[in-house]
């Protein structure tokens, strides 16, 4: 996975991007990079790749509506968990 994904996650963690925009964009780009992985030069260390995979799962759990399930995340909780995954 690339440093671009890391930077996108960091921008979200810093409050520069809304959760709705982040979750959709992050998951789309993560899937694109996953599918292109054999053809990409991935210079990110394994720890970064693991963090990005965790963030992908967190983004998938994001649900902006109040009727979310107990396991789903609102924007505040998503931002908190992404910050934690990034080690911030």
N, C-alpha and C. Protein backbone atom coordinates (compact mmCIF):
# COMPACT_ATOMS: atom_id res chain seq x y z
N UNK A 1 0.85 -1.17 0.00
CA UNK A 1 0.00 0.00 0.00
C UNK A 1 0.89 1.24 0.00
N UNK A 2 0.36 2.31 -0.45
CA UNK A 2 1.19 3.49 -0.67
C UNK A 2 1.15 4.49 0.46
N UNK A 3 2.09 5.38 0.39
CA UNK A 3 2.13 6.49 1.34
C UNK A 3 0.99 7.47 1.08
N UNK A 4 0.42 7.46 -0.12
CA UNK A 4 -0.73 8.32 -0.42
C UNK A 4 -1.91 7.97 0.49
N UNK A 5 -2.13 6.69 0.71
CA UNK A 5 -3.21 6.27 1.61
C UNK A 5 -2.91 6.72 3.04
N UNK A 6 -1.67 6.60 3.44
CA UNK A 6 -1.28 7.05 4.77
C UNK A 6 -1.55 8.54 4.92
N UNK A 7 -1.17 9.32 3.92
CA UNK A 7 -1.38 10.76 3.98
C UNK A 7 -2.87 11.11 4.00
N UNK A 8 -3.68 10.38 3.25
CA UNK A 8 -5.12 10.59 3.26
C UNK A 8 -5.68 10.33 4.66
N UNK A 9 -5.25 9.25 5.27
CA UNK A 9 -5.70 8.92 6.62
C UNK A 9 -5.24 9.97 7.62
N UNK A 10 -4.04 10.46 7.47
CA UNK A 10 -3.52 11.49 8.36
C UNK A 10 -4.32 12.78 8.20
N UNK A 11 -4.66 13.15 6.98
CA UNK A 11 -5.47 14.35 6.75
C UNK A 11 -6.83 14.21 7.42
N UNK A 12 -7.42 13.02 7.36
CA UNK A 12 -8.69 12.79 8.05
C UNK A 12 -8.50 12.90 9.55
N UNK A 13 -7.47 12.25 10.07
CA UNK A 13 -7.21 12.29 11.51
C UNK A 13 -6.99 13.72 12.00
N UNK A 14 -6.43 14.56 11.16
CA UNK A 14 -6.17 15.96 11.51
C UNK A 14 -7.40 16.85 11.32
N UNK A 15 -8.52 16.27 10.86
CA UNK A 15 -9.75 17.03 10.72
C UNK A 15 -9.91 17.78 9.42
N UNK A 16 -9.08 17.49 8.43
CA UNK A 16 -9.13 18.20 7.16
C UNK A 16 -10.19 17.65 6.20
N UNK A 17 -10.70 16.45 6.47
CA UNK A 17 -11.65 15.77 5.58
C UNK A 17 -12.80 15.25 6.42
N UNK A 18 -14.02 15.33 5.89
CA UNK A 18 -15.17 14.77 6.60
C UNK A 18 -15.11 13.25 6.58
N UNK A 19 -15.81 12.64 7.50
CA UNK A 19 -15.82 11.18 7.56
C UNK A 19 -16.47 10.57 6.32
N UNK A 20 -17.54 11.18 5.83
CA UNK A 20 -18.21 10.64 4.64
C UNK A 20 -17.27 10.63 3.44
N UNK A 21 -16.59 11.75 3.22
CA UNK A 21 -15.66 11.84 2.10
C UNK A 21 -14.48 10.88 2.29
N UNK A 22 -13.96 10.83 3.51
CA UNK A 22 -12.80 9.98 3.79
C UNK A 22 -13.11 8.51 3.59
N UNK A 23 -14.18 8.03 4.20
CA UNK A 23 -14.47 6.59 4.17
C UNK A 23 -14.61 6.09 2.74
N UNK A 24 -15.38 6.79 1.94
CA UNK A 24 -15.58 6.36 0.55
C UNK A 24 -14.28 6.41 -0.25
N UNK A 25 -13.57 7.54 -0.15
CA UNK A 25 -12.34 7.72 -0.92
C UNK A 25 -11.26 6.74 -0.47
N UNK A 26 -11.10 6.56 0.83
CA UNK A 26 -10.07 5.66 1.34
C UNK A 26 -10.32 4.24 0.87
N UNK A 27 -11.57 3.78 1.00
CA UNK A 27 -11.87 2.40 0.62
C UNK A 27 -11.69 2.20 -0.89
N UNK A 28 -12.08 3.18 -1.68
CA UNK A 28 -11.92 3.08 -3.14
C UNK A 28 -10.45 2.99 -3.51
N UNK A 29 -9.65 3.88 -2.96
CA UNK A 29 -8.21 3.89 -3.28
C UNK A 29 -7.50 2.65 -2.74
N UNK A 30 -7.90 2.19 -1.55
CA UNK A 30 -7.29 0.99 -0.97
C UNK A 30 -7.53 -0.21 -1.88
N UNK A 31 -8.76 -0.36 -2.36
CA UNK A 31 -9.09 -1.47 -3.25
C UNK A 31 -8.33 -1.37 -4.56
N UNK A 32 -8.21 -0.17 -5.11
CA UNK A 32 -7.46 0.03 -6.35
C UNK A 32 -6.01 -0.39 -6.16
N UNK A 33 -5.42 0.02 -5.05
CA UNK A 33 -4.02 -0.33 -4.81
C UNK A 33 -3.85 -1.81 -4.51
N UNK A 34 -4.80 -2.38 -3.81
CA UNK A 34 -4.75 -3.82 -3.54
C UNK A 34 -4.77 -4.60 -4.85
N UNK A 35 -5.66 -4.22 -5.75
CA UNK A 35 -5.80 -4.92 -7.02
C UNK A 35 -4.60 -4.71 -7.93
N UNK A 36 -3.92 -3.58 -7.79
CA UNK A 36 -2.76 -3.27 -8.63
C UNK A 36 -1.45 -3.68 -7.97
N UNK A 37 -1.50 -4.23 -6.78
CA UNK A 37 -0.30 -4.52 -5.99
C UNK A 37 0.81 -5.25 -6.75
N UNK A 38 0.51 -6.29 -7.55
CA UNK A 38 1.62 -6.96 -8.23
C UNK A 38 2.36 -6.04 -9.20
N UNK A 39 1.69 -4.98 -9.65
CA UNK A 39 2.30 -4.08 -10.62
C UNK A 39 2.83 -2.80 -9.99
N UNK A 40 2.68 -2.66 -8.69
CA UNK A 40 3.09 -1.43 -8.02
C UNK A 40 4.37 -1.63 -7.23
N UNK A 41 5.10 -0.55 -7.12
CA UNK A 41 6.26 -0.51 -6.24
C UNK A 41 5.77 -0.02 -4.88
N UNK A 42 5.56 -0.92 -3.95
CA UNK A 42 5.05 -0.52 -2.64
C UNK A 42 6.21 -0.41 -1.68
N UNK A 43 6.54 0.80 -1.35
CA UNK A 43 7.68 1.03 -0.47
C UNK A 43 7.28 1.21 0.98
N UNK A 44 6.02 1.08 1.27
CA UNK A 44 5.56 1.24 2.64
C UNK A 44 5.97 0.01 3.46
N UNK A 45 6.49 0.24 4.66
CA UNK A 45 6.84 -0.89 5.54
C UNK A 45 5.60 -1.70 5.92
N UNK A 46 5.84 -2.94 6.35
CA UNK A 46 4.73 -3.81 6.74
C UNK A 46 3.84 -3.20 7.81
N UNK A 47 4.43 -2.50 8.76
CA UNK A 47 3.63 -1.89 9.84
C UNK A 47 2.66 -0.86 9.26
N UNK A 48 3.09 -0.11 8.26
CA UNK A 48 2.21 0.87 7.62
C UNK A 48 1.10 0.16 6.87
N UNK A 49 1.44 -0.90 6.16
CA UNK A 49 0.44 -1.68 5.44
C UNK A 49 -0.60 -2.25 6.40
N UNK A 50 -0.16 -2.74 7.53
CA UNK A 50 -1.10 -3.26 8.53
C UNK A 50 -2.01 -2.16 9.07
N UNK A 51 -1.44 -1.00 9.32
CA UNK A 51 -2.25 0.13 9.79
C UNK A 51 -3.29 0.53 8.75
N UNK A 52 -2.88 0.55 7.48
CA UNK A 52 -3.81 0.92 6.42
C UNK A 52 -4.92 -0.12 6.26
N UNK A 53 -4.60 -1.37 6.44
CA UNK A 53 -5.63 -2.42 6.39
C UNK A 53 -6.61 -2.25 7.54
N UNK A 54 -6.10 -1.91 8.72
CA UNK A 54 -6.97 -1.65 9.87
C UNK A 54 -7.88 -0.47 9.58
N UNK A 55 -7.32 0.59 9.00
CA UNK A 55 -8.10 1.78 8.68
C UNK A 55 -9.17 1.46 7.64
N UNK A 56 -8.86 0.59 6.70
CA UNK A 56 -9.87 0.16 5.72
C UNK A 56 -11.06 -0.47 6.44
N UNK A 57 -10.77 -1.34 7.39
CA UNK A 57 -11.85 -2.00 8.16
C UNK A 57 -12.64 -0.97 8.96
N UNK A 58 -11.95 -0.01 9.55
CA UNK A 58 -12.63 1.04 10.31
C UNK A 58 -13.53 1.87 9.40
N UNK A 59 -13.03 2.23 8.22
CA UNK A 59 -13.83 3.02 7.28
C UNK A 59 -15.08 2.25 6.87
N UNK A 60 -14.94 0.94 6.74
CA UNK A 60 -16.09 0.10 6.38
C UNK A 60 -17.13 0.08 7.49
N UNK A 61 -16.71 0.30 8.72
CA UNK A 61 -17.64 0.31 9.86
C UNK A 61 -18.31 1.67 10.07
N UNK A 62 -17.89 2.67 9.30
CA UNK A 62 -18.47 4.00 9.46
C UNK A 62 -19.92 4.02 8.98
N UNK A 63 -20.77 4.61 9.80
CA UNK A 63 -22.19 4.77 9.45
C UNK A 63 -22.62 6.15 9.98
N UNK A 64 -22.89 7.09 9.07
CA UNK A 64 -23.16 8.47 9.51
C UNK A 64 -24.53 8.69 10.15
N UNK A 65 -25.46 7.80 9.94
CA UNK A 65 -26.83 8.00 10.43
C UNK A 65 -26.94 7.59 11.90
N UNK A 66 -27.91 8.17 12.58
CA UNK A 66 -28.12 7.89 14.01
C UNK A 66 -28.61 6.47 14.27
N UNK A 67 -29.13 5.80 13.24
CA UNK A 67 -29.65 4.44 13.43
C UNK A 67 -28.57 3.37 13.31
N UNK A 68 -27.30 3.75 13.55
CA UNK A 68 -26.19 2.80 13.39
C UNK A 68 -26.29 1.69 14.43
N UNK A 69 -25.75 0.56 14.04
CA UNK A 69 -25.65 -0.57 14.96
C UNK A 69 -24.59 -0.27 16.01
N UNK A 70 -24.60 -1.00 17.09
CA UNK A 70 -23.66 -0.76 18.18
C UNK A 70 -22.20 -0.88 17.72
N UNK A 71 -21.92 -1.76 16.80
CA UNK A 71 -20.55 -1.98 16.33
C UNK A 71 -20.11 -0.96 15.28
N UNK A 72 -21.04 -0.19 14.73
CA UNK A 72 -20.70 0.79 13.70
C UNK A 72 -20.18 2.07 14.34
N UNK A 73 -19.41 2.83 13.55
CA UNK A 73 -18.74 4.01 14.07
C UNK A 73 -19.36 5.30 13.54
N UNK A 74 -19.46 6.29 14.42
CA UNK A 74 -19.84 7.63 13.97
C UNK A 74 -18.54 8.37 13.61
N UNK A 75 -18.67 9.61 13.18
CA UNK A 75 -17.48 10.36 12.74
C UNK A 75 -16.46 10.54 13.86
N UNK A 76 -16.92 10.86 15.05
CA UNK A 76 -16.01 11.09 16.17
C UNK A 76 -15.22 9.83 16.50
N UNK A 77 -15.92 8.72 16.59
CA UNK A 77 -15.25 7.45 16.92
C UNK A 77 -14.32 6.99 15.79
N UNK A 78 -14.74 7.20 14.53
CA UNK A 78 -13.89 6.84 13.40
C UNK A 78 -12.59 7.64 13.44
N UNK A 79 -12.71 8.94 13.65
CA UNK A 79 -11.51 9.78 13.70
C UNK A 79 -10.59 9.33 14.84
N UNK A 80 -11.17 9.02 16.01
CA UNK A 80 -10.39 8.55 17.14
C UNK A 80 -9.64 7.25 16.80
N UNK A 81 -10.36 6.31 16.21
CA UNK A 81 -9.77 5.00 15.88
C UNK A 81 -8.70 5.11 14.79
N UNK A 82 -8.92 5.99 13.82
CA UNK A 82 -7.93 6.20 12.76
C UNK A 82 -6.66 6.82 13.36
N UNK A 83 -6.83 7.80 14.22
CA UNK A 83 -5.68 8.39 14.91
C UNK A 83 -4.90 7.32 15.68
N UNK A 84 -5.62 6.45 16.35
CA UNK A 84 -4.99 5.36 17.11
C UNK A 84 -4.24 4.41 16.17
N UNK A 85 -4.85 4.07 15.07
CA UNK A 85 -4.21 3.16 14.10
C UNK A 85 -2.94 3.77 13.49
N UNK A 86 -2.95 5.09 13.37
CA UNK A 86 -1.78 5.78 12.83
C UNK A 86 -0.70 6.04 13.89
N UNK A 87 -1.05 5.78 15.15
CA UNK A 87 -0.11 6.01 16.24
C UNK A 87 0.02 7.47 16.61
N UNK A 88 -1.05 8.23 16.38
CA UNK A 88 -1.01 9.67 16.69
C UNK A 88 -1.57 9.96 18.07
